[in-house]
Amino acid sequence: MLITHDTECALSSLVELLNTAPEVCGTELLPDVAALDAFVVRQEISEIDSLTEEDLHRVHDLRSRLREVFGTESTAAAAELVNGIVAAAGTTPRLTNHDHHGWHIHYFAPHAALGDHLAAELGMALAFIFMAGERERLRTCEAPDCARVFVDLSRNRSRRYCDSRTCGNRLHVAAYRARQRSAETVPTI
């Protein structure tokens, strides 16, 4: 599957945004405007004016609507959600060339509110995944105590955990120890 640099960056922002929710990590990771501003800087989101409490509330609302996309049973239902998100953002596709990224498309009006900016950009990234027939790449971590989401961009679509160093490694170690314990209890002949 060919994913453009812009789409990959948007998917990364999508995952980071969704994984800031309190139902995912136990605490709100975007509790205030300062945290939202840090998110914007970390994700290198361009053309954003100063942020307000209204921006924070709109991003929290958008985060909830985007999370629903990961939980839908069908692509048609997910596409309906994405269409609503993108339509509400009032997308304005335009070519731009900034920050040494070469020519690419922005789907938001210049200096749009952060909620509209993210709705358009992240919604379009999801639309590209759906158009490619790759919706199954949108996943939730398979670790029983983890609710984080991720986009599986591996070649063979085999990724199961949000992070192989934490969730994946923890479960592999637990399985290894369980095998060791059961091997110790098997009587030798």
C-alpha atoms as a PDB file:
ATOM      1  CA  MET A   1       0.000   0.000   0.000  1.00  0.00           C
ATOM      2  CA  LEU A   2       1.389   3.383  -0.986  1.00  0.00           C
ATOM      3  CA  ILE A   3       0.790   6.052   1.638  1.00  0.00           C
ATOM      4  CA  THR A   4       1.977   9.593   1.045  1.00  0.00           C
ATOM      5  CA  HIS A   5       4.139  11.332   3.612  1.00  0.00           C
ATOM      6  CA  ASP A   6       1.279  13.704   4.469  1.00  0.00           C
ATOM      7  CA  THR A   7      -1.154  10.862   5.064  1.00  0.00           C
ATOM      8  CA  GLU A   8       1.359   9.020   7.235  1.00  0.00           C
ATOM      9  CA  CYS A   9       1.938  12.172   9.309  1.00  0.00           C
ATOM     10  CA  ALA A  10      -1.817  12.695   9.658  1.00  0.00           C
ATOM     11  CA  LEU A  11      -2.299   9.071  10.744  1.00  0.00           C
ATOM     12  CA  SER A  12       0.441   9.539  13.337  1.00  0.00           C
ATOM     13  CA  SER A  13      -1.330  12.639  14.648  1.00  0.00           C
ATOM     14  CA  LEU A  14      -4.616  10.735  14.670  1.00  0.00           C
ATOM     15  CA  VAL A  15      -3.152   7.932  16.771  1.00  0.00           C
ATOM     16  CA  GLU A  16      -1.488  10.336  19.193  1.00  0.00           C
ATOM     17  CA  LEU A  17      -4.699  12.350  19.552  1.00  0.00           C
ATOM     18  CA  LEU A  18      -6.872   9.295  20.179  1.00  0.00           C
ATOM     19  CA  ASN A  19      -4.430   7.914  22.723  1.00  0.00           C
ATOM     20  CA  THR A  20      -4.654  11.072  24.848  1.00  0.00           C
ATOM     21  CA  ALA A  21      -8.207  10.266  25.995  1.00  0.00           C
ATOM     22  CA  PRO A  22      -8.826   9.420  29.667  1.00  0.00           C
ATOM     23  CA  GLU A  23     -10.603   6.177  28.762  1.00  0.00           C
ATOM     24  CA  VAL A  24      -7.385   5.030  27.069  1.00  0.00           C
ATOM     25  CA  CYS A  25      -4.706   5.985  29.589  1.00  0.00           C
ATOM     26  CA  GLY A  26      -6.639   6.636  32.785  1.00  0.00           C
ATOM     27  CA  THR A  27      -6.068  10.384  32.775  1.00  0.00           C
ATOM     28  CA  GLU A  28      -6.731  13.220  30.358  1.00  0.00           C
ATOM     29  CA  LEU A  29      -3.491  13.937  28.501  1.00  0.00           C
ATOM     30  CA  LEU A  30      -4.923  17.093  26.920  1.00  0.00           C
ATOM     31  CA  PRO A  31      -6.278  18.738  30.080  1.00  0.00           C
ATOM     32  CA  ASP A  32      -5.628  22.349  29.126  1.00  0.00           C
ATOM     33  CA  VAL A  33      -4.643  24.732  26.368  1.00  0.00           C
ATOM     34  CA  ALA A  34      -0.928  24.392  27.209  1.00  0.00           C
ATOM     35  CA  ALA A  35      -1.084  20.610  26.662  1.00  0.00           C
ATOM     36  CA  LEU A  36      -2.981  21.159  23.407  1.00  0.00           C
ATOM     37  CA  ASP A  37      -0.345  23.647  22.285  1.00  0.00           C
ATOM     38  CA  ALA A  38       2.389  21.099  23.083  1.00  0.00           C
ATOM     39  CA  PHE A  39       0.487  18.523  20.978  1.00  0.00           C
ATOM     40  CA  VAL A  40       0.393  20.994  18.058  1.00  0.00           C
ATOM     41  CA  VAL A  41       4.143  21.616  18.362  1.00  0.00           C
ATOM     42  CA  ARG A  42       4.984  17.893  18.692  1.00  0.00           C
ATOM     43  CA  GLN A  43       2.907  17.029  15.649  1.00  0.00           C
ATOM     44  CA  GLU A  44       4.268  20.010  13.674  1.00  0.00           C
ATOM     45  CA  ILE A  45       0.766  21.184  12.798  1.00  0.00           C
ATOM     46  CA  SER A  46       1.117  24.267  10.623  1.00  0.00           C
ATOM     47  CA  GLU A  47      -0.969  27.408  10.180  1.00  0.00           C
ATOM     48  CA  ILE A  48      -2.450  27.423  13.688  1.00  0.00           C
ATOM     49  CA  ASP A  49      -3.165  30.683  15.465  1.00  0.00           C
ATOM     50  CA  SER A  50      -3.157  30.993  19.252  1.00  0.00           C
ATOM     51  CA  LEU A  51      -5.301  28.362  20.943  1.00  0.00           C
ATOM     52  CA  THR A  52      -8.238  28.910  23.281  1.00  0.00           C
ATOM     53  CA  GLU A  53     -10.449  26.903  25.634  1.00  0.00           C
ATOM     54  CA  GLU A  54     -12.927  26.623  22.749  1.00  0.00           C
ATOM     55  CA  ASP A  55     -10.233  24.903  20.669  1.00  0.00           C
ATOM     56  CA  LEU A  56      -9.612  22.476  23.521  1.00  0.00           C
ATOM     57  CA  HIS A  57     -13.319  21.585  23.800  1.00  0.00           C
ATOM     58  CA  ARG A  58     -13.661  21.151  20.033  1.00  0.00           C
ATOM     59  CA  VAL A  59     -10.594  18.888  19.873  1.00  0.00           C
ATOM     60  CA  HIS A  60     -11.974  16.760  22.738  1.00  0.00           C
ATOM     61  CA  ASP A  61     -15.269  16.427  20.831  1.00  0.00           C
ATOM     62  CA  LEU A  62     -13.443  15.573  17.602  1.00  0.00           C
ATOM     63  CA  ARG A  63     -11.339  12.986  19.427  1.00  0.00           C
ATOM     64  CA  SER A  64     -14.510  11.209  20.577  1.00  0.00           C
ATOM     65  CA  ARG A  65     -15.987  11.214  17.064  1.00  0.00           C
ATOM     66  CA  LEU A  66     -12.736   9.919  15.540  1.00  0.00           C
ATOM     67  CA  ARG A  67     -12.533   7.167  18.175  1.00  0.00           C
ATOM     68  CA  GLU A  68     -15.947   5.936  17.008  1.00  0.00           C
ATOM     69  CA  VAL A  69     -14.437   5.204  13.576  1.00  0.00           C
ATOM     70  CA  PHE A  70     -12.151   2.577  15.164  1.00  0.00           C
ATOM     71  CA  GLY A  71     -15.118   0.905  16.870  1.00  0.00           C
ATOM     72  CA  THR A  72     -17.482   0.551  13.931  1.00  0.00           C
ATOM     73  CA  GLU A  73     -18.397  -2.866  12.601  1.00  0.00           C
ATOM     74  CA  SER A  74     -18.565  -1.967   8.919  1.00  0.00           C
ATOM     75  CA  THR A  75     -16.647   0.197   6.496  1.00  0.00           C
ATOM     76  CA  ALA A  76     -19.930   1.806   5.418  1.00  0.00           C
ATOM     77  CA  ALA A  77     -20.632   2.929   8.996  1.00  0.00           C
ATOM     78  CA  ALA A  78     -17.039   4.130   9.419  1.00  0.00           C
ATOM     79  CA  ALA A  79     -17.213   6.005   6.093  1.00  0.00           C
ATOM     80  CA  GLU A  80     -20.427   7.709   7.197  1.00  0.00           C
ATOM     81  CA  LEU A  81     -18.692   8.917  10.359  1.00  0.00           C
ATOM     82  CA  VAL A  82     -15.658  10.147   8.407  1.00  0.00           C
ATOM     83  CA  ASN A  83     -17.876  11.911   5.863  1.00  0.00           C
ATOM     84  CA  GLY A  84     -19.658  13.729   8.690  1.00  0.00           C
ATOM     85  CA  ILE A  85     -16.390  14.751  10.322  1.00  0.00           C
ATOM     86  CA  VAL A  86     -14.898  16.079   7.075  1.00  0.00           C
ATOM     87  CA  ALA A  87     -18.115  17.820   5.974  1.00  0.00           C
ATOM     88  CA  ALA A  88     -18.460  19.615   9.313  1.00  0.00           C
ATOM     89  CA  ALA A  89     -14.892  20.906   8.933  1.00  0.00           C
ATOM     90  CA  GLY A  90     -15.752  22.754   5.712  1.00  0.00           C
ATOM     91  CA  THR A  91     -12.764  21.402   3.804  1.00  0.00           C
ATOM     92  CA  THR A  92     -10.962  23.664   1.360  1.00  0.00           C
ATOM     93  CA  PRO A  93      -8.375  21.603  -0.559  1.00  0.00           C
ATOM     94  CA  ARG A  94      -5.398  23.625  -1.775  1.00  0.00           C
ATOM     95  CA  LEU A  95      -1.831  23.030  -2.893  1.00  0.00           C
ATOM     96  CA  THR A  96       0.881  24.407  -0.643  1.00  0.00           C
ATOM     97  CA  ASN A  97       4.659  24.323  -0.347  1.00  0.00           C
ATOM     98  CA  HIS A  98       6.041  25.133   3.118  1.00  0.00           C
ATOM     99  CA  ASP A  99       8.697  24.087   5.624  1.00  0.00           C
ATOM    100  CA  HIS A 100      10.718  22.118   3.062  1.00  0.00           C
ATOM    101  CA  HIS A 101       7.919  19.555   2.621  1.00  0.00           C
ATOM    102  CA  GLY A 102       7.502  20.072  -1.131  1.00  0.00           C
ATOM    103  CA  TRP A 103       4.138  20.459  -2.780  1.00  0.00           C
ATOM    104  CA  HIS A 104       1.273  18.813  -0.969  1.00  0.00           C
ATOM    105  CA  ILE A 105      -2.429  19.310  -0.302  1.00  0.00           C
ATOM    106  CA  HIS A 106      -3.941  20.946   2.761  1.00  0.00           C
ATOM    107  CA  TYR A 107      -7.618  20.175   3.252  1.00  0.00           C
ATOM    108  CA  PHE A 108      -8.317  23.071   5.599  1.00  0.00           C
ATOM    109  CA  ALA A 109      -8.630  26.805   5.130  1.00  0.00           C
ATOM    110  CA  PRO A 110      -5.574  28.872   6.073  1.00  0.00           C
ATOM    111  CA  HIS A 111      -5.575  29.559   9.822  1.00  0.00           C
ATOM    112  CA  ALA A 112      -8.677  27.435  10.393  1.00  0.00           C
ATOM    113  CA  ALA A 113      -9.593  26.629  13.976  1.00  0.00           C
ATOM    114  CA  LEU A 114      -7.580  23.662  15.228  1.00  0.00           C
ATOM    115  CA  GLY A 115     -10.673  21.435  15.479  1.00  0.00           C
ATOM    116  CA  ASP A 116     -11.581  22.098  11.829  1.00  0.00           C
ATOM    117  CA  HIS A 117      -7.959  21.731  10.762  1.00  0.00           C
ATOM    118  CA  LEU A 118      -7.648  18.331  12.452  1.00  0.00           C
ATOM    119  CA  ALA A 119     -11.105  17.170  11.343  1.00  0.00           C
ATOM    120  CA  ALA A 120     -10.247  17.854   7.705  1.00  0.00           C
ATOM    121  CA  GLU A 121      -6.689  16.516   7.791  1.00  0.00           C
ATOM    122  CA  LEU A 122      -7.310  13.424   9.915  1.00  0.00           C
ATOM    123  CA  GLY A 123     -10.635  12.697   8.236  1.00  0.00           C
ATOM    124  CA  MET A 124      -9.018  12.776   4.805  1.00  0.00           C
ATOM    125  CA  ALA A 125      -6.214  10.471   5.987  1.00  0.00           C
ATOM    126  CA  LEU A 126      -8.870   7.984   7.110  1.00  0.00           C
ATOM    127  CA  ALA A 127     -10.661   8.430   3.772  1.00  0.00           C
ATOM    128  CA  PHE A 128      -7.470   7.509   1.913  1.00  0.00           C
ATOM    129  CA  ILE A 129      -7.105   4.355   4.033  1.00  0.00           C
ATOM    130  CA  PHE A 130     -10.703   3.376   3.244  1.00  0.00           C
ATOM    131  CA  MET A 131     -10.284   4.111  -0.481  1.00  0.00           C
ATOM    132  CA  ALA A 132      -7.267   1.803  -0.543  1.00  0.00           C
ATOM    133  CA  GLY A 133      -9.399  -0.971   0.972  1.00  0.00           C
ATOM    134  CA  GLU A 134      -7.174  -1.001   4.069  1.00  0.00           C
ATOM    135  CA  ARG A 135      -9.615  -0.251   6.899  1.00  0.00           C
ATOM    136  CA  GLU A 136      -8.413  -3.365   8.769  1.00  0.00           C
ATOM    137  CA  ARG A 137      -5.150  -1.494   9.392  1.00  0.00           C
ATOM    138  CA  LEU A 138      -6.993   0.660  11.967  1.00  0.00           C
ATOM    139  CA  ARG A 139      -6.579  -1.365  15.132  1.00  0.00           C
ATOM    140  CA  THR A 140      -6.889  -1.387  18.875  1.00  0.00           C
ATOM    141  CA  CYS A 141      -4.081  -2.983  20.880  1.00  0.00           C
ATOM    142  CA  GLU A 142      -4.728  -6.670  21.594  1.00  0.00           C
ATOM    143  CA  ALA A 143      -3.211  -6.505  25.071  1.00  0.00           C
ATOM    144  CA  PRO A 144      -6.119  -7.187  27.451  1.00  0.00           C
ATOM    145  CA  ASP A 145      -5.389  -4.161  29.638  1.00  0.00           C
ATOM    146  CA  CYS A 146      -4.694  -1.659  26.839  1.00  0.00           C
ATOM    147  CA  ALA A 147      -7.158   0.502  24.893  1.00  0.00           C
ATOM    148  CA  ARG A 148      -4.628   2.363  22.742  1.00  0.00           C
ATOM    149  CA  VAL A 149      -5.172   2.508  18.989  1.00  0.00           C
ATOM    150  CA  PHE A 150      -2.648   2.306  16.178  1.00  0.00           C
ATOM    151  CA  VAL A 151      -2.465   2.099  12.398  1.00  0.00           C
ATOM    152  CA  ASP A 152      -0.746  -1.075  11.258  1.00  0.00           C
ATOM    153  CA  LEU A 153       1.534  -0.009   8.433  1.00  0.00           C
ATOM    154  CA  SER A 154       3.495  -3.275   8.388  1.00  0.00           C
ATOM    155  CA  ARG A 155       3.729  -5.020   5.027  1.00  0.00           C
ATOM    156  CA  ASN A 156       1.845  -8.125   6.094  1.00  0.00           C
ATOM    157  CA  ARG A 157      -0.635  -6.426   8.435  1.00  0.00           C
ATOM    158  CA  SER A 158       0.666  -8.502  11.358  1.00  0.00           C
ATOM    159  CA  ARG A 159       1.044  -5.894  14.086  1.00  0.00           C
ATOM    160  CA  ARG A 160      -1.032  -6.749  17.157  1.00  0.00           C
ATOM    161  CA  TYR A 161       0.104  -4.333  19.847  1.00  0.00           C
ATOM    162  CA  CYS A 162       0.309  -0.562  20.139  1.00  0.00           C
ATOM    163  CA  ASP A 163       3.980  -0.858  21.019  1.00  0.00           C
ATOM    164  CA  SER A 164       6.008  -4.044  20.782  1.00  0.00           C
ATOM    165  CA  ARG A 165       8.404  -2.794  23.474  1.00  0.00           C
ATOM    166  CA  THR A 166       5.703  -2.444  26.106  1.00  0.00           C
ATOM    167  CA  CYS A 167       2.446  -4.311  25.468  1.00  0.00           C
ATOM    168  CA  GLY A 168       3.889  -6.864  23.066  1.00  0.00           C
ATOM    169  CA  ASN A 169       6.981  -7.576  25.135  1.00  0.00           C
ATOM    170  CA  ARG A 170       4.999  -7.752  28.379  1.00  0.00           C
ATOM    171  CA  LEU A 171       2.605 -10.345  26.920  1.00  0.00           C
ATOM    172  CA  HIS A 172       5.398 -12.369  25.320  1.00  0.00           C
ATOM    173  CA  VAL A 173       7.274 -12.482  28.640  1.00  0.00           C
ATOM    174  CA  ALA A 174       4.086 -13.506  30.473  1.00  0.00           C
ATOM    175  CA  ALA A 175       3.474 -16.312  27.949  1.00  0.00           C
ATOM    176  CA  TYR A 176       7.089 -17.475  28.278  1.00  0.00           C
ATOM    177  CA  ARG A 177       6.843 -17.573  32.072  1.00  0.00           C
ATOM    178  CA  ALA A 178       3.561 -19.469  31.891  1.00  0.00           C
ATOM    179  CA  ARG A 179       5.187 -22.055  29.595  1.00  0.00           C
ATOM    180  CA  GLN A 180       8.128 -22.343  32.003  1.00  0.00           C
ATOM    181  CA  ARG A 181       5.790 -22.884  34.968  1.00  0.00           C
ATOM    182  CA  SER A 182       3.785 -25.528  33.146  1.00  0.00           C
ATOM    183  CA  ALA A 183       6.995 -27.286  32.054  1.00  0.00           C
ATOM    184  CA  GLU A 184       8.119 -27.393  35.700  1.00  0.00           C
ATOM    185  CA  THR A 185       4.869 -29.037  36.805  1.00  0.00           C
ATOM    186  CA  VAL A 186       4.899 -31.758  34.160  1.00  0.00           C
ATOM    187  CA  PRO A 187       6.122 -34.983  35.789  1.00  0.00           C
ATOM    188  CA  THR A 188       9.198 -36.520  34.199  1.00  0.00           C
ATOM    189  CA  ILE A 189       9.142 -40.183  33.372  1.00  0.00           C
END
